[in-house]
């Protein structure tokens, strides 16, 4: 599995095909208050999901994040799994991204096999297991108002 695309290659891919883009999608379940889905783009070559993560305040330097190589998406009502093809700006386990400070904002993108354009809801699954995995359930593929992520200054 590739862990990064060349920037020029990714930009070319994004401009060559027609995409359906859903900004600030709402999910029935979000793993924690530090992680959010910014945008989901569907096109003929892949499904792109853009995320934002804010390093928690309870770790000295913000902690770390990583993505499981078995990450997938699936349409609601289906057992078909669309595998992750690539992660951009997010290391694949066992590698980790270490934050430099509390409250640091980190953007990353996951690319998956292409979904059919008529899908209305999906699950985004890092790993179906107990633990602190980046799992979102019932993510609506529709346009929504921006979601605010609150950063509370504990000092």
N, C-alpha and C. Protein backbone atom coordinates (compact mmCIF):
# COMPACT_ATOMS: atom_id res chain seq x y z
N UNK A 1 0.85 -1.18 0.00
CA UNK A 1 0.00 0.00 0.00
C UNK A 1 0.89 1.23 0.00
N UNK A 2 0.58 2.18 -0.85
CA UNK A 2 1.31 3.44 -0.87
C UNK A 2 0.91 4.27 0.33
N UNK A 3 1.86 4.99 0.89
CA UNK A 3 1.50 5.85 2.01
C UNK A 3 1.34 7.31 1.59
N UNK A 4 1.81 7.66 0.40
CA UNK A 4 1.67 9.03 -0.08
C UNK A 4 1.60 9.06 -1.60
N UNK A 5 0.84 10.01 -2.15
CA UNK A 5 0.83 10.28 -3.57
C UNK A 5 1.75 11.47 -3.82
N UNK A 6 2.34 11.55 -4.99
CA UNK A 6 3.04 12.76 -5.38
C UNK A 6 1.99 13.86 -5.45
N UNK A 7 2.31 15.05 -5.01
CA UNK A 7 1.33 16.15 -4.99
C UNK A 7 0.79 16.44 -6.38
N UNK A 8 1.66 16.48 -7.37
CA UNK A 8 1.22 16.78 -8.74
C UNK A 8 0.29 15.68 -9.24
N UNK A 9 0.59 14.44 -8.94
CA UNK A 9 -0.23 13.33 -9.38
C UNK A 9 -1.62 13.41 -8.76
N UNK A 10 -1.70 13.70 -7.48
CA UNK A 10 -2.99 13.81 -6.80
C UNK A 10 -3.80 14.97 -7.39
N UNK A 11 -3.17 16.12 -7.60
CA UNK A 11 -3.88 17.26 -8.18
C UNK A 11 -4.39 16.94 -9.57
N UNK A 12 -3.60 16.23 -10.36
CA UNK A 12 -4.04 15.83 -11.70
C UNK A 12 -5.23 14.90 -11.61
N UNK A 13 -5.17 13.94 -10.68
CA UNK A 13 -6.29 13.01 -10.51
C UNK A 13 -7.57 13.74 -10.13
N UNK A 14 -7.45 14.74 -9.27
CA UNK A 14 -8.62 15.46 -8.80
C UNK A 14 -9.25 16.33 -9.88
N UNK A 15 -8.48 16.77 -10.85
CA UNK A 15 -9.02 17.66 -11.88
C UNK A 15 -9.46 16.92 -13.13
N UNK A 16 -9.11 15.64 -13.27
CA UNK A 16 -9.45 14.91 -14.49
C UNK A 16 -10.84 14.30 -14.49
N UNK A 17 -11.45 14.10 -13.35
CA UNK A 17 -12.75 13.44 -13.31
C UNK A 17 -13.78 14.33 -12.59
N UNK A 18 -15.05 14.02 -12.83
CA UNK A 18 -16.13 14.73 -12.15
C UNK A 18 -16.29 14.17 -10.74
N UNK A 19 -16.41 15.04 -9.76
CA UNK A 19 -16.53 14.62 -8.37
C UNK A 19 -17.82 15.11 -7.76
N UNK A 20 -18.33 14.33 -6.81
CA UNK A 20 -19.42 14.75 -5.95
C UNK A 20 -18.77 15.05 -4.61
N UNK A 21 -18.93 16.28 -4.11
CA UNK A 21 -18.24 16.70 -2.89
C UNK A 21 -19.28 17.04 -1.81
N UNK A 22 -19.06 16.47 -0.63
CA UNK A 22 -19.94 16.71 0.52
C UNK A 22 -19.10 17.31 1.64
N UNK A 23 -19.38 18.56 1.98
CA UNK A 23 -18.60 19.24 3.02
C UNK A 23 -19.29 19.13 4.37
N UNK A 24 -18.48 18.98 5.40
CA UNK A 24 -18.95 18.91 6.79
C UNK A 24 -20.05 17.87 6.99
N UNK A 25 -19.84 16.64 6.54
CA UNK A 25 -20.89 15.62 6.71
C UNK A 25 -21.13 15.30 8.18
N UNK A 26 -22.36 15.02 8.48
CA UNK A 26 -22.75 14.70 9.86
C UNK A 26 -22.79 13.18 10.01
N UNK A 27 -22.30 12.69 11.16
CA UNK A 27 -22.36 11.25 11.43
C UNK A 27 -23.15 11.01 12.70
N UNK A 28 -23.76 9.82 12.76
CA UNK A 28 -24.52 9.46 13.95
C UNK A 28 -23.57 9.18 15.12
N UNK A 29 -22.38 8.68 14.83
CA UNK A 29 -21.39 8.42 15.87
C UNK A 29 -20.03 8.93 15.41
N UNK A 30 -19.40 9.73 16.25
CA UNK A 30 -18.05 10.25 16.02
C UNK A 30 -17.17 9.73 17.14
N UNK A 31 -15.94 9.27 16.84
CA UNK A 31 -15.13 8.62 17.87
C UNK A 31 -14.74 9.51 19.05
N UNK A 32 -14.51 10.80 18.82
CA UNK A 32 -14.17 11.70 19.93
C UNK A 32 -14.29 13.14 19.45
N UNK A 33 -14.15 14.06 20.40
CA UNK A 33 -14.33 15.49 20.08
C UNK A 33 -13.11 16.09 19.40
N UNK A 34 -12.05 15.32 19.20
CA UNK A 34 -10.82 15.83 18.59
C UNK A 34 -10.75 15.60 17.09
N UNK A 35 -11.61 14.73 16.57
CA UNK A 35 -11.54 14.32 15.17
C UNK A 35 -12.82 14.68 14.43
N UNK A 36 -12.67 15.21 13.22
CA UNK A 36 -13.84 15.55 12.41
C UNK A 36 -13.59 15.26 10.94
N UNK A 37 -14.69 14.98 10.21
CA UNK A 37 -14.62 14.81 8.76
C UNK A 37 -14.92 16.16 8.14
N UNK A 38 -13.98 16.69 7.37
CA UNK A 38 -14.17 17.99 6.72
C UNK A 38 -14.90 17.86 5.39
N UNK A 39 -14.54 16.80 4.63
CA UNK A 39 -15.10 16.71 3.29
C UNK A 39 -14.98 15.28 2.78
N UNK A 40 -16.00 14.84 2.01
CA UNK A 40 -15.95 13.56 1.32
C UNK A 40 -16.17 13.84 -0.16
N UNK A 41 -15.28 13.33 -0.99
CA UNK A 41 -15.37 13.52 -2.44
C UNK A 41 -15.47 12.15 -3.11
N UNK A 42 -16.49 12.00 -3.95
CA UNK A 42 -16.69 10.76 -4.70
C UNK A 42 -16.39 11.03 -6.16
N UNK A 43 -15.55 10.21 -6.77
CA UNK A 43 -15.37 10.29 -8.22
C UNK A 43 -15.12 8.90 -8.77
N UNK A 44 -14.84 8.80 -10.05
CA UNK A 44 -14.71 7.49 -10.70
C UNK A 44 -13.48 6.71 -10.28
N UNK A 45 -12.45 7.39 -9.80
CA UNK A 45 -11.19 6.72 -9.48
C UNK A 45 -11.04 6.34 -8.01
N UNK A 46 -11.61 7.14 -7.11
CA UNK A 46 -11.47 6.87 -5.69
C UNK A 46 -12.48 7.69 -4.90
N UNK A 47 -12.59 7.36 -3.62
CA UNK A 47 -13.35 8.15 -2.65
C UNK A 47 -12.32 8.81 -1.75
N UNK A 48 -12.38 10.13 -1.65
CA UNK A 48 -11.42 10.89 -0.84
C UNK A 48 -12.15 11.41 0.39
N UNK A 49 -11.54 11.20 1.57
CA UNK A 49 -12.11 11.72 2.81
C UNK A 49 -11.05 12.56 3.50
N UNK A 50 -11.37 13.84 3.72
CA UNK A 50 -10.47 14.78 4.37
C UNK A 50 -10.89 14.94 5.83
N UNK A 51 -9.92 14.83 6.73
CA UNK A 51 -10.15 14.89 8.17
C UNK A 51 -9.38 16.04 8.80
N UNK A 52 -9.81 16.44 9.98
CA UNK A 52 -9.04 17.35 10.83
C UNK A 52 -9.00 16.73 12.23
N UNK A 53 -7.82 16.81 12.85
CA UNK A 53 -7.64 16.29 14.20
C UNK A 53 -6.95 17.37 15.02
N UNK A 54 -7.44 17.59 16.24
CA UNK A 54 -6.85 18.57 17.14
C UNK A 54 -6.28 17.80 18.33
N UNK A 55 -4.97 17.97 18.56
CA UNK A 55 -4.28 17.25 19.63
C UNK A 55 -4.93 17.56 20.98
N UNK A 56 -5.22 16.53 21.76
CA UNK A 56 -5.87 16.72 23.06
C UNK A 56 -5.01 17.51 24.04
N UNK A 57 -5.67 18.19 24.94
CA UNK A 57 -4.98 19.00 25.96
C UNK A 57 -4.42 18.14 27.10
N UNK A 58 -4.94 16.91 27.27
CA UNK A 58 -4.50 16.12 28.42
C UNK A 58 -3.17 15.38 28.22
N UNK A 59 -2.58 15.46 27.03
CA UNK A 59 -1.23 14.91 26.82
C UNK A 59 -0.22 16.04 26.85
N UNK A 60 0.95 15.79 27.39
CA UNK A 60 1.97 16.83 27.56
C UNK A 60 2.27 17.54 26.25
N UNK A 61 2.54 16.79 25.18
CA UNK A 61 2.85 17.40 23.89
C UNK A 61 1.77 17.12 22.84
N UNK A 62 0.58 16.75 23.26
CA UNK A 62 -0.50 16.50 22.32
C UNK A 62 -0.69 15.06 21.91
N UNK A 63 0.26 14.19 22.24
CA UNK A 63 0.12 12.76 21.94
C UNK A 63 0.53 12.42 20.51
N UNK A 64 -0.08 11.36 19.97
CA UNK A 64 0.24 10.89 18.63
C UNK A 64 -1.00 10.29 17.98
N UNK A 65 -0.94 10.13 16.66
CA UNK A 65 -2.00 9.45 15.91
C UNK A 65 -1.36 8.57 14.84
N UNK A 66 -2.15 7.61 14.35
CA UNK A 66 -1.74 6.71 13.28
C UNK A 66 -3.01 6.12 12.67
N UNK A 67 -2.88 5.45 11.53
CA UNK A 67 -4.02 4.81 10.89
C UNK A 67 -3.71 3.33 10.68
N UNK A 68 -4.68 2.48 10.96
CA UNK A 68 -4.54 1.05 10.74
C UNK A 68 -4.59 0.76 9.25
N UNK A 69 -3.75 -0.14 8.79
CA UNK A 69 -3.70 -0.46 7.35
C UNK A 69 -4.97 -1.12 6.84
N UNK A 70 -5.78 -1.68 7.73
CA UNK A 70 -7.02 -2.34 7.33
C UNK A 70 -8.23 -1.41 7.26
N UNK A 71 -8.01 -0.12 7.34
CA UNK A 71 -9.10 0.87 7.31
C UNK A 71 -9.96 0.68 6.05
N UNK A 72 -11.28 0.87 6.19
CA UNK A 72 -12.20 0.72 5.06
C UNK A 72 -13.43 1.58 5.26
N UNK A 73 -14.20 1.73 4.20
CA UNK A 73 -15.52 2.36 4.27
C UNK A 73 -16.52 1.35 3.74
N UNK A 74 -17.77 1.48 4.18
CA UNK A 74 -18.83 0.59 3.68
C UNK A 74 -20.14 1.35 3.65
N UNK A 75 -20.93 1.13 2.61
CA UNK A 75 -22.26 1.75 2.55
C UNK A 75 -23.15 1.16 3.64
N UNK A 76 -24.04 1.97 4.19
CA UNK A 76 -24.99 1.50 5.19
C UNK A 76 -25.89 0.45 4.53
N UNK A 77 -26.12 -0.65 5.24
CA UNK A 77 -26.96 -1.72 4.72
C UNK A 77 -26.22 -2.71 3.84
N UNK A 78 -24.91 -2.57 3.75
CA UNK A 78 -24.10 -3.46 2.91
C UNK A 78 -22.93 -3.98 3.71
N UNK A 79 -22.46 -5.15 3.37
CA UNK A 79 -21.25 -5.69 3.99
C UNK A 79 -20.03 -5.50 3.08
N UNK A 80 -20.22 -4.84 1.92
CA UNK A 80 -19.13 -4.60 0.99
C UNK A 80 -18.17 -3.58 1.61
N UNK A 81 -16.90 -3.93 1.62
CA UNK A 81 -15.88 -3.06 2.18
C UNK A 81 -15.05 -2.46 1.05
N UNK A 82 -14.88 -1.14 1.09
CA UNK A 82 -14.05 -0.42 0.14
C UNK A 82 -12.74 -0.09 0.85
N UNK A 83 -11.67 -0.73 0.41
CA UNK A 83 -10.39 -0.65 1.11
C UNK A 83 -9.71 0.71 0.95
N UNK A 84 -8.93 1.06 1.96
CA UNK A 84 -8.10 2.25 1.89
C UNK A 84 -6.97 1.99 0.89
N UNK A 85 -6.79 2.93 -0.03
CA UNK A 85 -5.74 2.82 -1.03
C UNK A 85 -4.48 3.57 -0.61
N UNK A 86 -4.68 4.69 0.08
CA UNK A 86 -3.55 5.53 0.44
C UNK A 86 -3.93 6.47 1.58
N UNK A 87 -2.92 6.87 2.34
CA UNK A 87 -3.09 7.86 3.40
C UNK A 87 -2.14 9.02 3.10
N UNK A 88 -2.66 10.22 3.15
CA UNK A 88 -1.86 11.42 2.88
C UNK A 88 -1.75 12.20 4.19
N UNK A 89 -0.53 12.44 4.62
CA UNK A 89 -0.25 13.19 5.85
C UNK A 89 -0.70 12.42 7.10
N UNK A 90 -0.77 11.09 6.99
CA UNK A 90 -1.13 10.23 8.13
C UNK A 90 -0.34 8.93 8.02
N UNK A 91 0.53 8.64 9.01
CA UNK A 91 1.30 7.41 8.94
C UNK A 91 0.44 6.17 9.17
N UNK A 92 0.85 5.08 8.54
CA UNK A 92 0.19 3.79 8.71
C UNK A 92 0.89 3.05 9.86
N UNK A 93 0.09 2.49 10.79
CA UNK A 93 0.63 1.76 11.93
C UNK A 93 1.59 0.67 11.44
N UNK A 94 2.71 0.51 12.10
CA UNK A 94 3.03 0.98 13.45
C UNK A 94 3.65 2.39 13.51
N UNK A 95 3.91 3.03 12.36
CA UNK A 95 4.46 4.39 12.38
C UNK A 95 3.44 5.33 13.04
N UNK A 96 3.93 6.43 13.62
CA UNK A 96 3.07 7.37 14.33
C UNK A 96 3.42 8.80 13.95
N UNK A 97 2.41 9.66 14.00
CA UNK A 97 2.62 11.11 13.87
C UNK A 97 2.58 11.67 15.28
N UNK A 98 3.68 12.29 15.71
CA UNK A 98 3.76 12.86 17.05
C UNK A 98 3.50 14.37 16.99
N UNK A 99 2.58 14.82 17.82
CA UNK A 99 2.30 16.25 17.90
C UNK A 99 3.41 16.96 18.65
N UNK A 100 3.54 18.24 18.36
CA UNK A 100 4.55 19.05 19.04
C UNK A 100 3.97 19.80 20.22
N UNK A 101 2.62 20.00 20.21
CA UNK A 101 2.00 20.75 21.29
C UNK A 101 0.53 20.39 21.44
N UNK A 102 0.00 20.70 22.62
CA UNK A 102 -1.43 20.53 22.87
C UNK A 102 -2.20 21.46 21.95
N UNK A 103 -3.33 21.01 21.44
CA UNK A 103 -4.18 21.85 20.61
C UNK A 103 -3.70 22.02 19.17
N UNK A 104 -2.59 21.36 18.81
CA UNK A 104 -2.09 21.44 17.42
C UNK A 104 -3.11 20.84 16.46
N UNK A 105 -3.34 21.51 15.34
CA UNK A 105 -4.30 21.06 14.34
C UNK A 105 -3.56 20.29 13.25
N UNK A 106 -4.10 19.13 12.88
CA UNK A 106 -3.48 18.29 11.86
C UNK A 106 -4.55 17.86 10.84
N UNK A 107 -4.29 18.13 9.57
CA UNK A 107 -5.19 17.72 8.49
C UNK A 107 -4.60 16.49 7.80
N UNK A 108 -5.46 15.52 7.48
CA UNK A 108 -5.00 14.36 6.73
C UNK A 108 -6.12 13.86 5.82
N UNK A 109 -5.73 13.06 4.85
CA UNK A 109 -6.66 12.56 3.84
C UNK A 109 -6.48 11.06 3.68
N UNK A 110 -7.61 10.35 3.55
CA UNK A 110 -7.58 8.92 3.23
C UNK A 110 -8.26 8.73 1.89
N UNK A 111 -7.66 7.90 1.04
CA UNK A 111 -8.24 7.57 -0.26
C UNK A 111 -8.67 6.11 -0.26
N UNK A 112 -9.88 5.86 -0.76
CA UNK A 112 -10.46 4.52 -0.80
C UNK A 112 -10.86 4.17 -2.22
N UNK A 113 -11.13 2.89 -2.43
CA UNK A 113 -11.71 2.47 -3.71
C UNK A 113 -12.99 3.27 -3.94
N UNK A 114 -13.36 3.52 -5.21
CA UNK A 114 -14.52 4.38 -5.48
C UNK A 114 -15.85 3.77 -5.05
N UNK A 115 -16.68 4.60 -4.43
CA UNK A 115 -18.05 4.22 -4.05
C UNK A 115 -19.00 4.51 -5.21
N UNK A 116 -20.09 3.77 -5.31
CA UNK A 116 -21.14 4.16 -6.28
C UNK A 116 -21.68 5.54 -5.91
N UNK A 117 -22.06 6.33 -6.91
CA UNK A 117 -22.50 7.72 -6.68
C UNK A 117 -23.87 7.81 -6.00
N UNK A 118 -24.62 6.72 -5.96
CA UNK A 118 -25.97 6.77 -5.37
C UNK A 118 -25.99 6.45 -3.88
N UNK A 119 -24.84 6.25 -3.25
CA UNK A 119 -24.76 5.93 -1.82
C UNK A 119 -25.15 7.17 -1.01
N UNK A 120 -25.96 6.97 0.03
CA UNK A 120 -26.44 8.08 0.86
C UNK A 120 -25.76 8.17 2.22
N UNK A 121 -25.30 7.03 2.76
CA UNK A 121 -24.64 7.01 4.06
C UNK A 121 -23.56 5.94 4.06
N UNK A 122 -22.48 6.22 4.80
CA UNK A 122 -21.39 5.24 4.92
C UNK A 122 -20.89 5.16 6.36
N UNK A 123 -20.20 4.07 6.65
CA UNK A 123 -19.41 3.95 7.87
C UNK A 123 -17.96 4.10 7.45
N UNK A 124 -17.17 4.79 8.27
CA UNK A 124 -15.73 4.91 8.07
C UNK A 124 -15.10 4.14 9.23
N UNK A 125 -14.41 3.06 8.92
CA UNK A 125 -13.92 2.17 9.96
C UNK A 125 -12.41 2.04 9.90
N UNK A 126 -11.75 2.50 10.95
CA UNK A 126 -10.31 2.25 11.04
C UNK A 126 -10.11 0.79 11.43
N UNK A 127 -10.81 0.35 12.48
CA UNK A 127 -10.70 -1.03 12.95
C UNK A 127 -11.93 -1.33 13.79
N UNK A 128 -12.61 -2.45 13.50
CA UNK A 128 -13.77 -2.87 14.30
C UNK A 128 -13.27 -3.67 15.48
N UNK A 129 -12.97 -2.94 16.56
CA UNK A 129 -12.40 -3.57 17.74
C UNK A 129 -12.55 -2.61 18.91
N UNK A 130 -12.37 -3.12 20.11
CA UNK A 130 -12.36 -2.24 21.28
C UNK A 130 -11.14 -1.34 21.21
N UNK A 131 -11.27 -0.11 21.65
CA UNK A 131 -10.13 0.79 21.67
C UNK A 131 -10.49 2.15 21.11
N UNK A 132 -9.48 2.97 20.94
CA UNK A 132 -9.68 4.35 20.50
C UNK A 132 -9.41 4.50 19.01
N UNK A 133 -10.17 3.80 18.21
CA UNK A 133 -9.99 3.84 16.76
C UNK A 133 -10.84 4.95 16.15
N UNK A 134 -10.43 5.41 14.97
CA UNK A 134 -11.13 6.47 14.25
C UNK A 134 -12.29 5.87 13.46
N UNK A 135 -13.37 5.53 14.15
CA UNK A 135 -14.55 4.95 13.52
C UNK A 135 -15.70 5.95 13.54
N UNK A 136 -16.31 6.16 12.39
CA UNK A 136 -17.50 7.00 12.26
C UNK A 136 -18.62 6.12 11.72
N UNK A 137 -19.81 6.24 12.29
CA UNK A 137 -20.94 5.43 11.83
C UNK A 137 -22.06 6.33 11.31
N UNK A 138 -22.66 5.87 10.22
CA UNK A 138 -23.78 6.55 9.56
C UNK A 138 -23.43 7.99 9.18
N UNK A 139 -22.39 8.13 8.38
CA UNK A 139 -21.98 9.44 7.87
C UNK A 139 -22.87 9.75 6.66
N UNK A 140 -23.61 10.86 6.75
CA UNK A 140 -24.55 11.24 5.68
C UNK A 140 -23.80 11.92 4.54
N UNK A 141 -24.02 11.43 3.33
CA UNK A 141 -23.43 12.06 2.15
C UNK A 141 -24.41 13.12 1.64
N UNK A 142 -24.36 14.26 2.31
CA UNK A 142 -25.19 15.41 1.97
C UNK A 142 -24.45 16.65 2.44
N UNK A 143 -24.86 17.80 1.96
CA UNK A 143 -24.21 19.06 2.35
C UNK A 143 -24.76 19.52 3.70
N UNK A 144 -23.86 19.99 4.54
CA UNK A 144 -24.24 20.45 5.88
C UNK A 144 -23.51 21.73 6.22
N UNK A 145 -24.01 22.42 7.20
CA UNK A 145 -23.35 23.62 7.69
C UNK A 145 -22.04 23.22 8.37
N UNK A 146 -21.06 24.11 8.40
CA UNK A 146 -19.79 23.79 9.06
C UNK A 146 -19.98 23.39 10.51
N UNK A 147 -19.18 22.43 10.95
CA UNK A 147 -19.20 21.98 12.33
C UNK A 147 -18.08 22.69 13.08
N UNK A 148 -18.37 23.19 14.25
CA UNK A 148 -17.35 23.86 15.05
C UNK A 148 -16.68 22.86 15.96
N UNK A 149 -15.37 22.94 16.04
CA UNK A 149 -14.60 22.15 16.99
C UNK A 149 -14.10 23.13 18.03
N UNK A 150 -14.44 22.90 19.27
CA UNK A 150 -14.07 23.84 20.33
C UNK A 150 -12.70 23.50 20.90
N UNK A 151 -11.89 24.51 21.07
CA UNK A 151 -10.61 24.36 21.73
C UNK A 151 -10.71 25.15 23.04
N UNK A 152 -10.64 24.42 24.14
CA UNK A 152 -10.77 25.05 25.45
C UNK A 152 -9.39 25.23 26.03
N UNK A 153 -9.06 26.48 26.36
CA UNK A 153 -7.76 26.78 26.94
C UNK A 153 -7.79 26.41 28.41
N UNK A 154 -7.00 25.42 28.78
CA UNK A 154 -6.99 24.93 30.16
C UNK A 154 -5.99 25.68 31.04
N UNK A 155 -5.29 26.63 30.49
CA UNK A 155 -4.28 27.37 31.29
C UNK A 155 -4.90 28.51 32.04
